[in-house]
Amino acid sequence: MRSPAKRRSEALAHVSLSSSLAVYTGGETQCELHAANIRQLFQALGERYPELLPRLKTEVAVSIDCEVYQDALLQSIAEDSELYLFPRIAGG
């Protein structure tokens, strides 16, 4: 169980997953999780949805409050941030 002090340092994020990722979450496309940054969010998502975990760091882009990040692991999450996870767009 997390300590109250640690819980306060983590923001409550509102997470939406694209429908293509929902196949790894049992069809769920929305959840709320506590995390201070994207790395912690990915860890929490992986605990909740183990099939999603291997795809998070390599196949997923993240939008935080409408700003898209391709490599977002250290991006901070503010209280009540809205995050959208979707497949990365390959370029060439």
PDB file of N, CA and C in Angstrom:
ATOM      1  N   MET A   1       0.837  -1.180   0.000  1.00  0.00           N
ATOM      2  CA  MET A   1       0.000   0.000   0.000  1.00  0.00           C
ATOM      3  C   MET A   1       0.881   1.242   0.000  1.00  0.00           C
ATOM      4  N   ARG A   2       0.491   2.240  -0.765  1.00  0.00           N
ATOM      5  CA  ARG A   2       1.276   3.461  -0.862  1.00  0.00           C
ATOM      6  C   ARG A   2       1.064   4.340   0.348  1.00  0.00           C
ATOM      7  N   SER A   3       2.111   5.039   0.710  1.00  0.00           N
ATOM      8  CA  SER A   3       2.001   5.952   1.841  1.00  0.00           C
ATOM      9  C   SER A   3       1.238   7.200   1.419  1.00  0.00           C
ATOM     10  N   PRO A   4       0.566   7.883   2.358  1.00  0.00           N
ATOM     11  CA  PRO A   4      -0.152   9.111   2.021  1.00  0.00           C
ATOM     12  C   PRO A   4       0.758  10.163   1.404  1.00  0.00           C
ATOM     13  N   ALA A   5       2.004  10.264   1.845  1.00  0.00           N
ATOM     14  CA  ALA A   5       2.924  11.259   1.286  1.00  0.00           C
ATOM     15  C   ALA A   5       3.216  10.964  -0.176  1.00  0.00           C
ATOM     16  N   LYS A   6       3.430   9.704  -0.501  1.00  0.00           N
ATOM     17  CA  LYS A   6       3.699   9.352  -1.889  1.00  0.00           C
ATOM     18  C   LYS A   6       2.465   9.601  -2.738  1.00  0.00           C
ATOM     19  N   ARG A   7       1.305   9.266  -2.249  1.00  0.00           N
ATOM     20  CA  ARG A   7       0.066   9.469  -2.984  1.00  0.00           C
ATOM     21  C   ARG A   7      -0.113  10.947  -3.336  1.00  0.00           C
ATOM     22  N   ARG A   8       0.238  11.842  -2.415  1.00  0.00           N
ATOM     23  CA  ARG A   8       0.086  13.276  -2.676  1.00  0.00           C
ATOM     24  C   ARG A   8       1.017  13.747  -3.779  1.00  0.00           C
ATOM     25  N   SER A   9       2.189  13.139  -3.952  1.00  0.00           N
ATOM     26  CA  SER A   9       3.131  13.581  -4.974  1.00  0.00           C
ATOM     27  C   SER A   9       2.739  13.087  -6.360  1.00  0.00           C
ATOM     28  N   GLU A  10       1.801  12.173  -6.424  1.00  0.00           N
ATOM     29  CA  GLU A  10       1.345  11.644  -7.700  1.00  0.00           C
ATOM     30  C   GLU A  10       0.013  12.277  -8.064  1.00  0.00           C
ATOM     31  N   ALA A  11      -0.116  12.681  -9.323  1.00  0.00           N
ATOM     32  CA  ALA A  11      -1.347  13.302  -9.798  1.00  0.00           C
ATOM     33  C   ALA A  11      -2.339  12.228 -10.228  1.00  0.00           C
ATOM     34  N   LEU A  12      -3.603  12.559 -10.164  1.00  0.00           N
ATOM     35  CA  LEU A  12      -4.633  11.678 -10.701  1.00  0.00           C
ATOM     36  C   LEU A  12      -4.783  12.017 -12.174  1.00  0.00           C
ATOM     37  N   ALA A  13      -4.440  11.075 -13.035  1.00  0.00           N
ATOM     38  CA  ALA A  13      -4.506  11.277 -14.476  1.00  0.00           C
ATOM     39  C   ALA A  13      -5.743  10.597 -15.041  1.00  0.00           C
ATOM     40  N   HIS A  14      -6.380  11.275 -15.975  1.00  0.00           N
ATOM     41  CA  HIS A  14      -7.520  10.723 -16.696  1.00  0.00           C
ATOM     42  C   HIS A  14      -6.965  10.178 -18.013  1.00  0.00           C
ATOM     43  N   VAL A  15      -6.988   8.864 -18.181  1.00  0.00           N
ATOM     44  CA  VAL A  15      -6.331   8.206 -19.304  1.00  0.00           C
ATOM     45  C   VAL A  15      -7.364   7.637 -20.267  1.00  0.00           C
ATOM     46  N   SER A  16      -7.184   7.962 -21.555  1.00  0.00           N
ATOM     47  CA  SER A  16      -7.998   7.371 -22.619  1.00  0.00           C
ATOM     48  C   SER A  16      -7.065   6.592 -23.531  1.00  0.00           C
ATOM     49  N   LEU A  17      -7.487   5.403 -23.911  1.00  0.00           N
ATOM     50  CA  LEU A  17      -6.701   4.545 -24.796  1.00  0.00           C
ATOM     51  C   LEU A  17      -7.410   4.431 -26.136  1.00  0.00           C
ATOM     52  N   SER A  18      -6.643   4.441 -27.216  1.00  0.00           N
ATOM     53  CA  SER A  18      -7.247   4.269 -28.535  1.00  0.00           C
ATOM     54  C   SER A  18      -7.880   2.881 -28.624  1.00  0.00           C
ATOM     55  N   SER A  19      -8.823   2.743 -29.518  1.00  0.00           N
ATOM     56  CA  SER A  19      -9.525   1.460 -29.658  1.00  0.00           C
ATOM     57  C   SER A  19      -8.568   0.347 -30.069  1.00  0.00           C
ATOM     58  N   SER A  20      -7.495   0.675 -30.785  1.00  0.00           N
ATOM     59  CA  SER A  20      -6.539  -0.363 -31.178  1.00  0.00           C
ATOM     60  C   SER A  20      -5.757  -0.911 -29.982  1.00  0.00           C
ATOM     61  N   LEU A  21      -5.663  -0.145 -28.897  1.00  0.00           N
ATOM     62  CA  LEU A  21      -5.001  -0.635 -27.682  1.00  0.00           C
ATOM     63  C   LEU A  21      -5.971  -1.374 -26.768  1.00  0.00           C
ATOM     64  N   ALA A  22      -7.250  -1.174 -26.977  1.00  0.00           N
ATOM     65  CA  ALA A  22      -8.269  -1.790 -26.117  1.00  0.00           C
ATOM     66  C   ALA A  22      -8.264  -3.315 -26.202  1.00  0.00           C
ATOM     67  N   VAL A  23      -7.701  -3.870 -27.259  1.00  0.00           N
ATOM     68  CA  VAL A  23      -7.619  -5.334 -27.350  1.00  0.00           C
ATOM     69  C   VAL A  23      -6.718  -5.905 -26.254  1.00  0.00           C
ATOM     70  N   TYR A  24      -5.853  -5.067 -25.678  1.00  0.00           N
ATOM     71  CA  TYR A  24      -4.946  -5.503 -24.613  1.00  0.00           C
ATOM     72  C   TYR A  24      -5.468  -5.158 -23.221  1.00  0.00           C
ATOM     73  N   THR A  25      -6.648  -4.521 -23.153  1.00  0.00           N
ATOM     74  CA  THR A  25      -7.196  -4.079 -21.863  1.00  0.00           C
ATOM     75  C   THR A  25      -8.562  -4.682 -21.584  1.00  0.00           C
ATOM     76  N   GLY A  26      -8.920  -5.712 -22.327  1.00  0.00           N
ATOM     77  CA  GLY A  26     -10.240  -6.307 -22.141  1.00  0.00           C
ATOM     78  C   GLY A  26     -11.352  -5.394 -22.630  1.00  0.00           C
ATOM     79  N   GLY A  27     -11.028  -4.504 -23.566  1.00  0.00           N
ATOM     80  CA  GLY A  27     -12.026  -3.609 -24.136  1.00  0.00           C
ATOM     81  C   GLY A  27     -12.146  -2.264 -23.441  1.00  0.00           C
ATOM     82  N   GLU A  28     -11.465  -2.086 -22.329  1.00  0.00           N
ATOM     83  CA  GLU A  28     -11.537  -0.803 -21.614  1.00  0.00           C
ATOM     84  C   GLU A  28     -10.753   0.264 -22.370  1.00  0.00           C
ATOM     85  N   THR A  29     -11.329   1.452 -22.476  1.00  0.00           N
ATOM     86  CA  THR A  29     -10.659   2.551 -23.163  1.00  0.00           C
ATOM     87  C   THR A  29     -10.431   3.763 -22.262  1.00  0.00           C
ATOM     88  N   GLN A  30     -10.876   3.706 -21.006  1.00  0.00           N
ATOM     89  CA  GLN A  30     -10.670   4.823 -20.086  1.00  0.00           C
ATOM     90  C   GLN A  30     -10.392   4.308 -18.681  1.00  0.00           C
ATOM     91  N   CYS A  31      -9.545   5.045 -17.972  1.00  0.00           N
ATOM     92  CA  CYS A  31      -9.282   4.736 -16.568  1.00  0.00           C
ATOM     93  C   CYS A  31      -8.676   5.966 -15.906  1.00  0.00           C
ATOM     94  N   GLU A  32      -8.579   5.927 -14.607  1.00  0.00           N
ATOM     95  CA  GLU A  32      -7.915   6.975 -13.838  1.00  0.00           C
ATOM     96  C   GLU A  32      -6.844   6.315 -12.989  1.00  0.00           C
ATOM     97  N   LEU A  33      -5.643   6.876 -13.028  1.00  0.00           N
ATOM     98  CA  LEU A  33      -4.513   6.320 -12.295  1.00  0.00           C
ATOM     99  C   LEU A  33      -3.700   7.441 -11.662  1.00  0.00           C
ATOM    100  N   HIS A  34      -3.053   7.134 -10.546  1.00  0.00           N
ATOM    101  CA  HIS A  34      -2.144   8.083  -9.899  1.00  0.00           C
ATOM    102  C   HIS A  34      -0.736   7.846 -10.428  1.00  0.00           C
ATOM    103  N   ALA A  35      -0.079   8.915 -10.887  1.00  0.00           N
ATOM    104  CA  ALA A  35       1.301   8.830 -11.365  1.00  0.00           C
ATOM    105  C   ALA A  35       1.898  10.229 -11.420  1.00  0.00           C
ATOM    106  N   ALA A  36       3.200  10.328 -11.148  1.00  0.00           N
ATOM    107  CA  ALA A  36       3.891  11.617 -11.208  1.00  0.00           C
ATOM    108  C   ALA A  36       4.441  11.899 -12.599  1.00  0.00           C
ATOM    109  N   ASN A  37       4.707  10.820 -13.368  1.00  0.00           N
ATOM    110  CA  ASN A  37       5.227  10.982 -14.725  1.00  0.00           C
ATOM    111  C   ASN A  37       4.771   9.792 -15.571  1.00  0.00           C
ATOM    112  N   ILE A  38       5.122   9.832 -16.845  1.00  0.00           N
ATOM    113  CA  ILE A  38       4.653   8.792 -17.769  1.00  0.00           C
ATOM    114  C   ILE A  38       5.249   7.431 -17.423  1.00  0.00           C
ATOM    115  N   ARG A  39       6.478   7.389 -16.980  1.00  0.00           N
ATOM    116  CA  ARG A  39       7.076   6.102 -16.591  1.00  0.00           C
ATOM    117  C   ARG A  39       6.227   5.427 -15.508  1.00  0.00           C
ATOM    118  N   GLN A  40       5.821   6.187 -14.496  1.00  0.00           N
ATOM    119  CA  GLN A  40       4.977   5.637 -13.432  1.00  0.00           C
ATOM    120  C   GLN A  40       3.598   5.263 -13.967  1.00  0.00           C
ATOM    121  N   LEU A  41       3.089   6.061 -14.882  1.00  0.00           N
ATOM    122  CA  LEU A  41       1.791   5.749 -15.483  1.00  0.00           C
ATOM    123  C   LEU A  41       1.863   4.430 -16.242  1.00  0.00           C
ATOM    124  N   PHE A  42       2.922   4.239 -17.046  1.00  0.00           N
ATOM    125  CA  PHE A  42       3.084   2.993 -17.791  1.00  0.00           C
ATOM    126  C   PHE A  42       3.189   1.805 -16.834  1.00  0.00           C
ATOM    127  N   GLN A  43       3.901   1.988 -15.722  1.00  0.00           N
ATOM    128  CA  GLN A  43       4.018   0.909 -14.734  1.00  0.00           C
ATOM    129  C   GLN A  43       2.640   0.552 -14.170  1.00  0.00           C
ATOM    130  N   ALA A  44       1.856   1.576 -13.823  1.00  0.00           N
ATOM    131  CA  ALA A  44       0.515   1.338 -13.273  1.00  0.00           C
ATOM    132  C   ALA A  44      -0.398   0.699 -14.319  1.00  0.00           C
ATOM    133  N   LEU A  45      -0.298   1.151 -15.564  1.00  0.00           N
ATOM    134  CA  LEU A  45      -1.099   0.542 -16.632  1.00  0.00           C
ATOM    135  C   LEU A  45      -0.703  -0.914 -16.835  1.00  0.00           C
ATOM    136  N   GLY A  46       0.593  -1.199 -16.780  1.00  0.00           N
ATOM    137  CA  GLY A  46       1.071  -2.569 -16.940  1.00  0.00           C
ATOM    138  C   GLY A  46       0.606  -3.488 -15.826  1.00  0.00           C
ATOM    139  N   GLU A  47       0.499  -2.943 -14.612  1.00  0.00           N
ATOM    140  CA  GLU A  47      -0.022  -3.748 -13.500  1.00  0.00           C
ATOM    141  C   GLU A  47      -1.502  -4.039 -13.698  1.00  0.00           C
ATOM    142  N   ARG A  48      -2.221  -3.069 -14.212  1.00  0.00           N
ATOM    143  CA  ARG A  48      -3.661  -3.243 -14.430  1.00  0.00           C
ATOM    144  C   ARG A  48      -3.941  -4.079 -15.677  1.00  0.00           C
ATOM    145  N   TYR A  49      -3.142  -3.874 -16.724  1.00  0.00           N
ATOM    146  CA  TYR A  49      -3.343  -4.549 -18.010  1.00  0.00           C
ATOM    147  C   TYR A  49      -2.022  -5.184 -18.455  1.00  0.00           C
ATOM    148  N   PRO A  50      -1.676  -6.355 -17.952  1.00  0.00           N
ATOM    149  CA  PRO A  50      -0.378  -6.972 -18.255  1.00  0.00           C
ATOM    150  C   PRO A  50      -0.099  -7.162 -19.747  1.00  0.00           C
ATOM    151  N   GLU A  51      -1.121  -7.415 -20.554  1.00  0.00           N
ATOM    152  CA  GLU A  51      -0.896  -7.603 -21.989  1.00  0.00           C
ATOM    153  C   GLU A  51      -0.488  -6.305 -22.679  1.00  0.00           C
ATOM    154  N   LEU A  52      -0.820  -5.178 -22.096  1.00  0.00           N
ATOM    155  CA  LEU A  52      -0.482  -3.878 -22.671  1.00  0.00           C
ATOM    156  C   LEU A  52       0.970  -3.491 -22.386  1.00  0.00           C
ATOM    157  N   LEU A  53       1.512  -3.934 -21.272  1.00  0.00           N
ATOM    158  CA  LEU A  53       2.833  -3.504 -20.809  1.00  0.00           C
ATOM    159  C   LEU A  53       3.932  -3.578 -21.870  1.00  0.00           C
ATOM    160  N   PRO A  54       4.119  -4.690 -22.592  1.00  0.00           N
ATOM    161  CA  PRO A  54       5.244  -4.740 -23.537  1.00  0.00           C
ATOM    162  C   PRO A  54       5.117  -3.752 -24.697  1.00  0.00           C
ATOM    163  N   ARG A  55       3.954  -3.217 -24.929  1.00  0.00           N
ATOM    164  CA  ARG A  55       3.733  -2.300 -26.042  1.00  0.00           C
ATOM    165  C   ARG A  55       3.912  -0.833 -25.655  1.00  0.00           C
ATOM    166  N   LEU A  56       3.841  -0.541 -24.367  1.00  0.00           N
ATOM    167  CA  LEU A  56       3.802   0.852 -23.930  1.00  0.00           C
ATOM    168  C   LEU A  56       5.040   1.659 -24.313  1.00  0.00           C
ATOM    169  N   LYS A  57       6.229   1.147 -24.090  1.00  0.00           N
ATOM    170  CA  LYS A  57       7.443   1.931 -24.336  1.00  0.00           C
ATOM    171  C   LYS A  57       7.843   1.989 -25.800  1.00  0.00           C
ATOM    172  N   THR A  58       7.414   1.030 -26.605  1.00  0.00           N
ATOM    173  CA  THR A  58       7.888   0.975 -27.990  1.00  0.00           C
ATOM    174  C   THR A  58       6.828   1.277 -29.032  1.00  0.00           C
ATOM    175  N   GLU A  59       5.565   1.111 -28.704  1.00  0.00           N
ATOM    176  CA  GLU A  59       4.522   1.225 -29.719  1.00  0.00           C
ATOM    177  C   GLU A  59       3.519   2.339 -29.467  1.00  0.00           C
ATOM    178  N   VAL A  60       3.680   3.086 -28.362  1.00  0.00           N
ATOM    179  CA  VAL A  60       2.642   4.034 -27.959  1.00  0.00           C
ATOM    180  C   VAL A  60       3.189   5.459 -27.893  1.00  0.00           C
ATOM    181  N   ALA A  61       2.423   6.391 -28.445  1.00  0.00           N
ATOM    182  CA  ALA A  61       2.676   7.822 -28.268  1.00  0.00           C
ATOM    183  C   ALA A  61       1.674   8.330 -27.237  1.00  0.00           C
ATOM    184  N   VAL A  62       2.016   9.444 -26.599  1.00  0.00           N
ATOM    185  CA  VAL A  62       1.196   9.969 -25.512  1.00  0.00           C
ATOM    186  C   VAL A  62       0.867  11.432 -25.773  1.00  0.00           C
ATOM    187  N   SER A  63      -0.385  11.771 -25.581  1.00  0.00           N
ATOM    188  CA  SER A  63      -0.814  13.163 -25.590  1.00  0.00           C
ATOM    189  C   SER A  63      -1.155  13.535 -24.153  1.00  0.00           C
ATOM    190  N   ILE A  64      -0.503  14.599 -23.660  1.00  0.00           N
ATOM    191  CA  ILE A  64      -0.781  15.109 -22.318  1.00  0.00           C
ATOM    192  C   ILE A  64      -1.405  16.481 -22.482  1.00  0.00           C
ATOM    193  N   ASP A  65      -2.650  16.608 -22.102  1.00  0.00           N
ATOM    194  CA  ASP A  65      -3.364  17.880 -22.233  1.00  0.00           C
ATOM    195  C   ASP A  65      -3.192  18.464 -23.636  1.00  0.00           C
ATOM    196  N   CYS A  66      -3.396  17.616 -24.644  1.00  0.00           N
ATOM    197  CA  CYS A  66      -3.403  17.970 -26.075  1.00  0.00           C
ATOM    198  C   CYS A  66      -2.023  18.214 -26.679  1.00  0.00           C
ATOM    199  N   GLU A  67      -0.935  17.922 -25.976  1.00  0.00           N
ATOM    200  CA  GLU A  67       0.403  18.027 -26.545  1.00  0.00           C
ATOM    201  C   GLU A  67       0.962  16.616 -26.704  1.00  0.00           C
ATOM    202  N   VAL A  68       1.372  16.272 -27.940  1.00  0.00           N
ATOM    203  CA  VAL A  68       1.800  14.910 -28.261  1.00  0.00           C
ATOM    204  C   VAL A  68       3.303  14.743 -28.021  1.00  0.00           C
ATOM    205  N   TYR A  69       3.656  13.613 -27.392  1.00  0.00           N
ATOM    206  CA  TYR A  69       5.049  13.255 -27.123  1.00  0.00           C
ATOM    207  C   TYR A  69       5.302  11.864 -27.680  1.00  0.00           C
ATOM    208  N   GLN A  70       6.398  11.695 -28.432  1.00  0.00           N
ATOM    209  CA  GLN A  70       6.785  10.370 -28.916  1.00  0.00           C
ATOM    210  C   GLN A  70       7.577   9.619 -27.840  1.00  0.00           C
ATOM    211  N   ASP A  71       8.452  10.321 -27.130  1.00  0.00           N
ATOM    212  CA  ASP A  71       9.270   9.724 -26.066  1.00  0.00           C
ATOM    213  C   ASP A  71       8.983  10.493 -24.786  1.00  0.00           C
ATOM    214  N   ALA A  72       7.996  10.038 -24.056  1.00  0.00           N
ATOM    215  CA  ALA A  72       7.439  10.839 -22.963  1.00  0.00           C
ATOM    216  C   ALA A  72       7.742  10.312 -21.567  1.00  0.00           C
ATOM    217  N   LEU A  73       8.609   9.339 -21.408  1.00  0.00           N
ATOM    218  CA  LEU A  73       8.744   8.656 -20.118  1.00  0.00           C
ATOM    219  C   LEU A  73       8.968   9.581 -18.928  1.00  0.00           C
ATOM    220  N   LEU A  74       9.696  10.666 -19.103  1.00  0.00           N
ATOM    221  CA  LEU A  74       9.995  11.545 -17.973  1.00  0.00           C
ATOM    222  C   LEU A  74       9.076  12.762 -17.899  1.00  0.00           C
ATOM    223  N   GLN A  75       8.112  12.854 -18.796  1.00  0.00           N
ATOM    224  CA  GLN A  75       7.174  13.978 -18.763  1.00  0.00           C
ATOM    225  C   GLN A  75       6.344  13.925 -17.489  1.00  0.00           C
ATOM    226  N   SER A  76       6.231  15.059 -16.829  1.00  0.00           N
ATOM    227  CA  SER A  76       5.429  15.153 -15.605  1.00  0.00           C
ATOM    228  C   SER A  76       3.947  15.138 -15.933  1.00  0.00           C
ATOM    229  N   ILE A  77       3.180  14.680 -14.973  1.00  0.00           N
ATOM    230  CA  ILE A  77       1.724  14.674 -15.097  1.00  0.00           C
ATOM    231  C   ILE A  77       1.169  15.582 -14.009  1.00  0.00           C
ATOM    232  N   ALA A  78       0.407  16.584 -14.407  1.00  0.00           N
ATOM    233  CA  ALA A  78      -0.218  17.496 -13.447  1.00  0.00           C
ATOM    234  C   ALA A  78      -1.539  16.902 -12.969  1.00  0.00           C
ATOM    235  N   GLU A  79      -1.992  17.356 -11.815  1.00  0.00           N
ATOM    236  CA  GLU A  79      -3.281  16.903 -11.273  1.00  0.00           C
ATOM    237  C   GLU A  79      -4.375  17.146 -12.308  1.00  0.00           C
ATOM    238  N   ASP A  80      -5.210  16.147 -12.519  1.00  0.00           N
ATOM    239  CA  ASP A  80      -6.334  16.197 -13.457  1.00  0.00           C
ATOM    240  C   ASP A  80      -5.918  16.329 -14.919  1.00  0.00           C
ATOM    241  N   SER A  81      -4.683  15.956 -15.254  1.00  0.00           N
ATOM    242  CA  SER A  81      -4.270  15.956 -16.655  1.00  0.00           C
ATOM    243  C   SER A  81      -5.091  14.939 -17.428  1.00  0.00           C
ATOM    244  N   GLU A  82      -5.304  15.251 -18.704  1.00  0.00           N
ATOM    245  CA  GLU A  82      -5.973  14.312 -19.600  1.00  0.00           C
ATOM    246  C   GLU A  82      -4.924  13.738 -20.532  1.00  0.00           C
ATOM    247  N   LEU A  83      -4.825  12.414 -20.519  1.00  0.00           N
ATOM    248  CA  LEU A  83      -3.846  11.736 -21.353  1.00  0.00           C
ATOM    249  C   LEU A  83      -4.554  10.839 -22.351  1.00  0.00           C
ATOM    250  N   TYR A  84      -3.991  10.786 -23.560  1.00  0.00           N
ATOM    251  CA  TYR A  84      -4.517   9.912 -24.594  1.00  0.00           C
ATOM    252  C   TYR A  84      -3.351   9.089 -25.111  1.00  0.00           C
ATOM    253  N   LEU A  85      -3.489   7.773 -25.101  1.00  0.00           N
ATOM    254  CA  LEU A  85      -2.460   6.872 -25.597  1.00  0.00           C
ATOM    255  C   LEU A  85      -2.928   6.279 -26.909  1.00  0.00           C
ATOM    256  N   PHE A  86      -2.042   6.314 -27.904  1.00  0.00           N
ATOM    257  CA  PHE A  86      -2.400   5.838 -29.237  1.00  0.00           C
ATOM    258  C   PHE A  86      -1.147   5.290 -29.915  1.00  0.00           C
ATOM    259  N   PRO A  87      -1.310   4.489 -30.981  1.00  0.00           N
ATOM    260  CA  PRO A  87      -0.145   3.913 -31.658  1.00  0.00           C
ATOM    261  C   PRO A  87       0.747   5.008 -32.245  1.00  0.00           C
ATOM    262  N   ARG A  88       2.052   4.798 -32.151  1.00  0.00           N
ATOM    263  CA  ARG A  88       3.002   5.727 -32.770  1.00  0.00           C
ATOM    264  C   ARG A  88       2.828   5.697 -34.280  1.00  0.00           C
ATOM    265  N   ILE A  89       3.090   6.823 -34.890  1.00  0.00           N
ATOM    266  CA  ILE A  89       3.044   6.919 -36.343  1.00  0.00           C
ATOM    267  C   ILE A  89       4.464   6.722 -36.853  1.00  0.00           C
ATOM    268  N   ALA A  90       4.636   5.725 -37.697  1.00  0.00           N
ATOM    269  CA  ALA A  90       5.961   5.439 -38.241  1.00  0.00           C
ATOM    270  C   ALA A  90       6.285   6.430 -39.352  1.00  0.00           C
ATOM    271  N   GLY A  91       7.523   6.862 -39.387  1.00  0.00           N
ATOM    272  CA  GLY A  91       7.958   7.794 -40.428  1.00  0.00           C
ATOM    273  C   GLY A  91       9.089   7.188 -41.228  1.00  0.00           C
ATOM    274  N   GLY A  92       9.413   7.833 -42.309  1.00  0.00           N
ATOM    275  CA  GLY A  92      10.496   7.261 -43.088  1.00  0.00           C
ATOM    276  C   GLY A  92      11.089   8.179 -44.064  1.00  0.00           C
TER     277      GLY A  92
END
